[in-house]
Amino acid sequence: MGTSWSAQIVDPPEECAATIETVLARVIDQMSNWEADSAISRFNRTPVGEWMALPRDMLTVLGAALEVARLSDGAFDPAVGRMVAAWGFGPGTADAAPATGRAHPWTAIEMGDERARRLADVALDFSGIAKGFAVDAVAEALRGIGVDNGLVEIGGELRGIGVKPDIQPWWVDMETPPDIAVPPLRVALSGLAVATSGDYRRFRVAQGRRLSHNIDPATGEPVVDSLASVTVLHDSAMMADAWATAILVSGAGRGMALAQRHGLAARLIERAPLPREHLSPALAAMLD
C-alpha cells in the first residue's frame, strides 16, 4: 500500500502480528493498483460491459465508495484511476498530456450481486478509502482474537479500541500540515477513528508547479484550493478516509457545507492567504 503500519496493543495475544499481516496481505491482494494480479487491477483490465465477480472486502469498499461519491456529488470518486495515472501518481509513468477523460467516472461503475462491471473505460483507484478500510479490518480482526484495547494506525489513519493501560482513552493529535502554524488539537479515539487528507502528504513538482496527488474529478487535474488539510472523525476509519478526501476536493466553502449537511466531525485548515482553522459544528460539539 506504499505506507507503514503500527499497532499499540494492551496484553497482546501471541498471534497479533500474524493476524495483522494476514489482513493487510488480503487487502493488498484485492485493492492494490501496484499489484498486477490484484482483484482491482484485473477488474480494470476487464472488457467494458463484462461482469467480474469480486471478493467480499472489495465489494464492501466499492459499495461504500460509490455511496460517498453519490453523497458528495462526485467530489469523492473511486474511478479516477485514469486521471491519477495521467498525473504520475499511479503505477507506471505519467502521460505527456493529462486528459480529463470521462466526467463523473464513478457513474460508469455498476454493481450487481457479488459482482461489478465497467460501463466505460474508467479505472478504479481506492487510494482515498482502502487505508481506512484496512484500519477497520485490522481492528476487527484483533477483536476477533481477544484484543479489547489498542490503537491501530496505517499511513496516519487511526482507530482506537477500548482504553490505554492507565484507563485513559487513546489520545492523539490531529495531523497538521508541517508548514502551517495552527494550535494542536487532541482528540480521544476510544471507539472512534480519524483520517486526514492533505495537499502535503503526497505530491510531485513538475515545471516548477507543486502537484497534489488529490485529483479533482470535475477537472481531471490536481486540486487547486486554499485547503491544505482535512481531518475527519468517524466511527469507521473507512468512512473517515473517504470523507476527508471528498471535503478536500470540494474546497473550503463547499467542503464545510458538505460536512454540515452530513453531520461530519471535520477540521479544515486553509493555507492561504493566511492560515485558518475551521471546525464543523459536529466536531465543535464534541470538543465542548
Protein backbone atom coordinates (compact mmCIF):
# COMPACT_ATOMS: atom_id res chain seq x y z
CA MET A 1 0.00 0.00 0.00
CA GLY A 2 3.06 2.25 -0.15
CA THR A 3 2.96 3.15 3.53
CA SER A 4 3.68 1.86 7.03
CA TRP A 5 1.53 0.45 9.81
CA SER A 6 1.75 0.26 13.58
CA ALA A 7 -0.33 -1.07 16.45
CA GLN A 8 -0.25 -0.46 20.17
CA ILE A 9 -1.98 -3.35 21.90
CA VAL A 10 -2.66 -3.93 25.58
CA ASP A 11 -1.89 -7.54 26.65
CA PRO A 12 -1.39 -8.71 23.05
CA PRO A 13 -2.13 -12.35 22.26
CA GLU A 14 0.76 -14.25 20.68
CA GLU A 15 -0.86 -14.29 17.23
CA CYS A 16 -1.30 -10.49 16.97
CA ALA A 17 1.43 -9.82 14.39
CA ALA A 18 0.40 -12.75 12.21
CA THR A 19 -3.23 -11.66 12.35
CA ILE A 20 -2.37 -8.12 11.23
CA GLU A 21 -0.12 -9.33 8.41
CA THR A 22 -2.83 -11.68 7.16
CA VAL A 23 -5.40 -8.89 6.99
CA LEU A 24 -3.04 -6.49 5.23
CA ALA A 25 -1.98 -9.13 2.71
CA ARG A 26 -5.65 -9.74 1.89
CA VAL A 27 -6.30 -6.01 1.37
CA ILE A 28 -3.25 -5.68 -0.89
CA ASP A 29 -4.25 -8.76 -2.88
CA GLN A 30 -7.67 -7.25 -3.53
CA MET A 31 -7.15 -3.49 -3.71
CA SER A 32 -3.58 -2.56 -4.65
CA ASN A 33 -3.18 -0.90 -8.05
CA TRP A 34 0.55 -1.63 -7.81
CA GLU A 35 -0.04 -5.40 -7.91
CA ALA A 36 -0.78 -6.56 -11.46
CA ASP A 37 -2.68 -9.64 -10.26
CA SER A 38 -4.75 -7.93 -7.57
CA ALA A 39 -8.51 -8.02 -7.92
CA ILE A 40 -8.70 -4.29 -8.63
CA SER A 41 -6.03 -4.49 -11.35
CA ARG A 42 -7.78 -7.40 -13.01
CA PHE A 43 -11.10 -5.57 -12.80
CA ASN A 44 -9.58 -2.53 -14.52
CA ARG A 45 -8.50 -4.79 -17.39
CA THR A 46 -11.88 -6.43 -17.94
CA PRO A 47 -13.62 -5.57 -21.21
CA VAL A 48 -16.14 -2.76 -20.89
CA GLY A 49 -19.56 -4.21 -20.08
CA GLU A 50 -18.24 -7.55 -18.79
CA TRP A 51 -19.18 -8.56 -15.26
CA MET A 52 -16.50 -9.70 -12.82
CA ALA A 53 -17.09 -11.48 -9.51
CA LEU A 54 -15.42 -9.53 -6.71
CA PRO A 55 -14.15 -10.71 -3.31
CA ARG A 56 -16.15 -9.69 -0.25
CA ASP A 57 -13.84 -6.95 1.06
CA MET A 58 -13.55 -5.27 -2.31
CA LEU A 59 -17.32 -5.32 -2.69
CA THR A 60 -17.65 -3.63 0.71
CA VAL A 61 -15.19 -0.89 -0.21
CA LEU A 62 -16.65 -0.35 -3.68
CA GLY A 63 -20.16 -0.07 -2.29
CA ALA A 64 -19.08 2.47 0.34
CA ALA A 65 -17.02 4.41 -2.20
CA LEU A 66 -19.92 4.73 -4.64
CA GLU A 67 -22.22 5.86 -1.82
CA VAL A 68 -19.80 8.62 -0.74
CA ALA A 69 -19.42 9.58 -4.40
CA ARG A 70 -23.19 9.99 -4.64
CA LEU A 71 -23.50 11.92 -1.37
CA SER A 72 -20.59 14.22 -2.23
CA ASP A 73 -21.81 14.98 -5.76
CA GLY A 74 -18.77 13.20 -7.15
CA ALA A 75 -16.09 15.05 -5.12
CA PHE A 76 -15.00 11.62 -3.96
CA ASP A 77 -14.70 9.33 -6.95
CA PRO A 78 -13.29 5.77 -6.77
CA ALA A 79 -12.99 5.54 -10.57
CA VAL A 80 -10.40 8.29 -11.16
CA GLY A 81 -7.62 5.79 -11.85
CA ARG A 82 -7.03 7.04 -15.38
CA MET A 83 -6.73 10.64 -14.12
CA VAL A 84 -4.43 9.63 -11.26
CA ALA A 85 -2.16 7.74 -13.66
CA ALA A 86 -2.12 10.63 -16.12
CA TRP A 87 -0.61 12.89 -13.46
CA GLY A 88 2.01 10.36 -12.41
CA PHE A 89 0.53 9.25 -9.09
CA GLY A 90 -0.37 5.72 -10.07
CA PRO A 91 1.72 2.75 -11.18
CA GLY A 92 3.65 3.34 -14.38
CA THR A 93 4.68 6.66 -15.88
CA ALA A 94 2.66 9.80 -16.37
CA ASP A 95 1.16 10.64 -19.73
CA ALA A 96 2.75 13.59 -21.51
CA ALA A 97 -0.59 15.40 -21.74
CA PRO A 98 -3.02 14.53 -18.93
CA ALA A 99 -6.60 14.32 -20.15
CA THR A 100 -9.77 14.93 -18.19
CA GLY A 101 -11.40 11.81 -19.59
CA ARG A 102 -14.98 10.97 -18.71
CA ALA A 103 -16.96 13.32 -16.45
CA HIS A 104 -18.08 11.66 -13.19
CA PRO A 105 -16.15 8.39 -13.74
CA TRP A 106 -17.90 6.71 -10.80
CA THR A 107 -21.17 6.66 -12.71
CA ALA A 108 -19.56 4.21 -15.14
CA ILE A 109 -19.29 1.54 -12.41
CA GLU A 110 -22.25 -0.79 -11.92
CA MET A 111 -22.60 -3.25 -9.05
CA GLY A 112 -24.66 -6.43 -9.02
CA ASP A 113 -24.87 -9.45 -6.71
CA GLU A 114 -21.24 -10.02 -5.66
CA ARG A 115 -20.01 -8.63 -8.95
CA ALA A 116 -19.39 -5.36 -10.79
CA ARG A 117 -18.63 -4.08 -14.27
CA ARG A 118 -17.35 -1.02 -16.09
CA LEU A 119 -19.72 0.76 -18.44
CA ALA A 120 -16.89 2.84 -19.91
CA ASP A 121 -13.10 2.71 -19.95
CA VAL A 122 -12.57 4.01 -16.41
CA ALA A 123 -10.28 2.55 -13.74
CA LEU A 124 -10.90 2.02 -10.05
CA ASP A 125 -8.43 3.54 -7.59
CA PHE A 126 -9.09 3.05 -3.86
CA SER A 127 -6.25 5.28 -2.63
CA GLY A 128 -8.74 7.51 -0.81
CA ILE A 129 -10.52 4.72 1.07
CA ALA A 130 -8.52 1.47 1.20
CA LYS A 131 -6.20 2.50 4.04
CA GLY A 132 -9.20 3.38 6.18
CA PHE A 133 -10.82 0.06 5.36
CA ALA A 134 -7.60 -1.74 6.28
CA VAL A 135 -7.53 0.02 9.66
CA ASP A 136 -11.10 -1.15 10.36
CA ALA A 137 -10.34 -4.67 9.15
CA VAL A 138 -7.26 -4.97 11.35
CA ALA A 139 -9.17 -3.61 14.37
CA GLU A 140 -11.98 -6.12 13.85
CA ALA A 141 -9.55 -8.99 13.35
CA LEU A 142 -7.78 -8.08 16.59
CA ARG A 143 -11.10 -8.03 18.41
CA GLY A 144 -11.70 -11.49 16.99
CA ILE A 145 -8.63 -12.85 18.77
CA GLY A 146 -9.49 -11.25 22.09
CA VAL A 147 -7.94 -7.76 21.91
CA ASP A 148 -10.10 -5.34 23.89
CA ASN A 149 -7.76 -2.34 24.00
CA GLY A 150 -5.46 -0.99 21.31
CA LEU A 151 -4.66 1.65 18.72
CA VAL A 152 -4.27 0.72 15.03
CA GLU A 153 -2.55 3.04 12.55
CA ILE A 154 -1.93 2.75 8.80
CA GLY A 155 -0.39 5.66 6.94
CA GLY A 156 -1.63 8.16 9.52
CA GLU A 157 -5.22 6.86 9.68
CA LEU A 158 -6.06 5.59 13.17
CA ARG A 159 -8.75 3.75 15.08
CA GLY A 160 -8.90 3.29 18.84
CA ILE A 161 -10.18 0.20 20.64
CA GLY A 162 -11.05 0.47 24.32
CA VAL A 163 -8.58 2.35 26.53
CA LYS A 164 -4.89 2.53 27.47
CA PRO A 165 -3.48 0.54 30.42
CA ASP A 166 -3.95 3.60 32.68
CA ILE A 167 -7.67 3.66 31.75
CA GLN A 168 -7.12 6.84 29.75
CA PRO A 169 -8.52 7.00 26.22
CA TRP A 170 -6.19 6.81 23.23
CA TRP A 171 -5.29 10.49 22.90
CA VAL A 172 -3.92 11.56 19.51
CA ASP A 173 -3.14 14.92 17.96
CA MET A 174 -4.91 15.69 14.72
CA GLU A 175 -2.41 15.87 11.87
CA THR A 176 -1.37 19.39 10.87
CA PRO A 177 0.47 20.45 7.69
CA PRO A 178 4.15 20.78 8.60
CA ASP A 179 4.46 24.31 7.19
CA ILE A 180 1.35 25.78 8.82
CA ALA A 181 1.28 27.03 12.41
CA VAL A 182 -2.10 26.30 13.98
CA PRO A 183 -2.80 25.27 17.58
CA PRO A 184 -2.67 21.49 18.17
CA LEU A 185 -5.97 19.69 18.56
CA ARG A 186 -6.02 16.49 20.64
CA VAL A 187 -8.86 14.00 20.45
CA ALA A 188 -9.76 10.77 22.24
CA LEU A 189 -10.05 7.76 19.94
CA SER A 190 -11.83 5.29 22.19
CA GLY A 191 -14.30 3.75 19.75
CA LEU A 192 -13.50 6.34 17.09
CA ALA A 193 -11.33 6.64 14.00
CA VAL A 194 -9.57 9.61 12.45
CA ALA A 195 -8.29 10.19 8.91
CA THR A 196 -6.55 13.13 7.25
CA SER A 197 -6.26 14.15 3.62
CA GLY A 198 -3.78 16.89 2.71
CA ASP A 199 -2.03 18.51 -0.21
CA TYR A 200 1.33 17.93 1.52
CA ARG A 201 1.11 14.19 2.10
CA ARG A 202 1.98 13.13 -1.43
CA PHE A 203 2.92 15.43 -4.26
CA ARG A 204 5.44 15.98 -7.03
CA VAL A 205 6.92 19.05 -8.66
CA ALA A 206 6.66 19.47 -12.44
CA GLN A 207 7.88 22.56 -14.30
CA GLY A 208 8.02 24.48 -11.04
CA ARG A 209 4.44 23.61 -10.15
CA ARG A 210 3.59 21.70 -6.97
CA LEU A 211 1.08 19.00 -7.88
CA SER A 212 -1.05 17.37 -5.18
CA HIS A 213 -1.97 13.70 -5.56
CA ASN A 214 -5.59 14.63 -4.83
CA ILE A 215 -7.34 14.77 -8.20
CA ASP A 216 -10.49 16.80 -8.77
CA PRO A 217 -12.78 14.53 -10.83
CA ALA A 218 -14.57 17.58 -12.24
CA THR A 219 -11.41 18.87 -13.94
CA GLY A 220 -9.21 15.78 -14.14
CA GLU A 221 -6.39 17.83 -12.59
CA PRO A 222 -4.74 18.09 -9.14
CA VAL A 223 -6.83 20.01 -6.63
CA VAL A 224 -6.16 23.75 -6.58
CA ASP A 225 -7.67 25.33 -3.47
CA SER A 226 -6.67 27.10 -0.29
CA LEU A 227 -7.43 23.95 1.70
CA ALA A 228 -4.22 22.31 2.88
CA SER A 229 -5.67 19.64 5.15
CA VAL A 230 -8.93 18.00 6.16
CA THR A 231 -9.30 15.68 9.14
CA VAL A 232 -12.47 13.71 9.84
CA LEU A 233 -13.52 11.81 12.96
CA HIS A 234 -15.91 8.90 12.40
CA ASP A 235 -16.76 5.57 13.96
CA SER A 236 -15.46 3.98 10.73
CA ALA A 237 -11.91 4.66 9.53
CA MET A 238 -13.03 3.76 6.01
CA MET A 239 -15.69 6.46 6.02
CA ALA A 240 -13.39 9.00 7.70
CA ASP A 241 -10.82 8.34 4.96
CA ALA A 242 -13.30 8.80 2.11
CA TRP A 243 -15.00 11.86 3.57
CA ALA A 244 -11.67 13.60 4.27
CA THR A 245 -10.83 13.24 0.58
CA ALA A 246 -14.28 14.39 -0.53
CA ILE A 247 -14.12 17.54 1.61
CA LEU A 248 -10.58 18.39 0.50
CA VAL A 249 -11.53 18.05 -3.17
CA SER A 250 -14.67 20.15 -2.61
CA GLY A 251 -12.67 23.11 -1.29
CA ALA A 252 -13.13 25.21 1.82
CA GLY A 253 -16.62 26.58 1.23
CA ARG A 254 -18.28 23.58 -0.42
CA GLY A 255 -16.34 21.23 1.84
CA MET A 256 -17.65 22.78 5.04
CA ALA A 257 -21.17 22.75 3.61
CA LEU A 258 -20.70 19.06 2.85
CA ALA A 259 -19.56 18.36 6.42
CA GLN A 260 -22.53 20.25 7.83
CA ARG A 261 -25.03 18.57 5.52
CA HIS A 262 -23.91 15.08 6.56
CA GLY A 263 -23.16 15.81 10.22
CA LEU A 264 -19.45 15.07 9.87
CA ALA A 265 -16.93 15.95 12.58
CA ALA A 266 -14.32 17.70 10.42
CA ARG A 267 -11.39 20.06 10.81
CA LEU A 268 -10.40 22.12 7.78
CA ILE A 269 -7.11 24.03 7.58
CA GLU A 270 -6.64 26.70 4.92
CA ARG A 271 -3.20 27.60 3.63
CA ALA A 272 -3.78 30.99 2.02
CA PRO A 273 -3.97 33.93 2.19
CA LEU A 274 -3.50 33.37 5.95
CA PRO A 275 -3.55 30.01 7.77
CA ARG A 276 -7.01 29.43 9.19
CA GLU A 277 -8.67 26.57 11.00
CA HIS A 278 -12.37 25.72 10.64
CA LEU A 279 -14.27 23.21 12.78
CA SER A 280 -17.57 21.73 11.62
CA PRO A 281 -20.49 22.04 14.06
CA ALA A 282 -20.31 18.29 14.79
CA LEU A 283 -16.63 18.49 15.76
CA ALA A 284 -17.09 21.70 17.76
CA ALA A 285 -19.87 19.99 19.73
CA MET A 286 -17.58 17.04 20.51
CA LEU A 287 -14.94 19.39 21.90
CA ASP A 288 -17.29 21.32 24.19
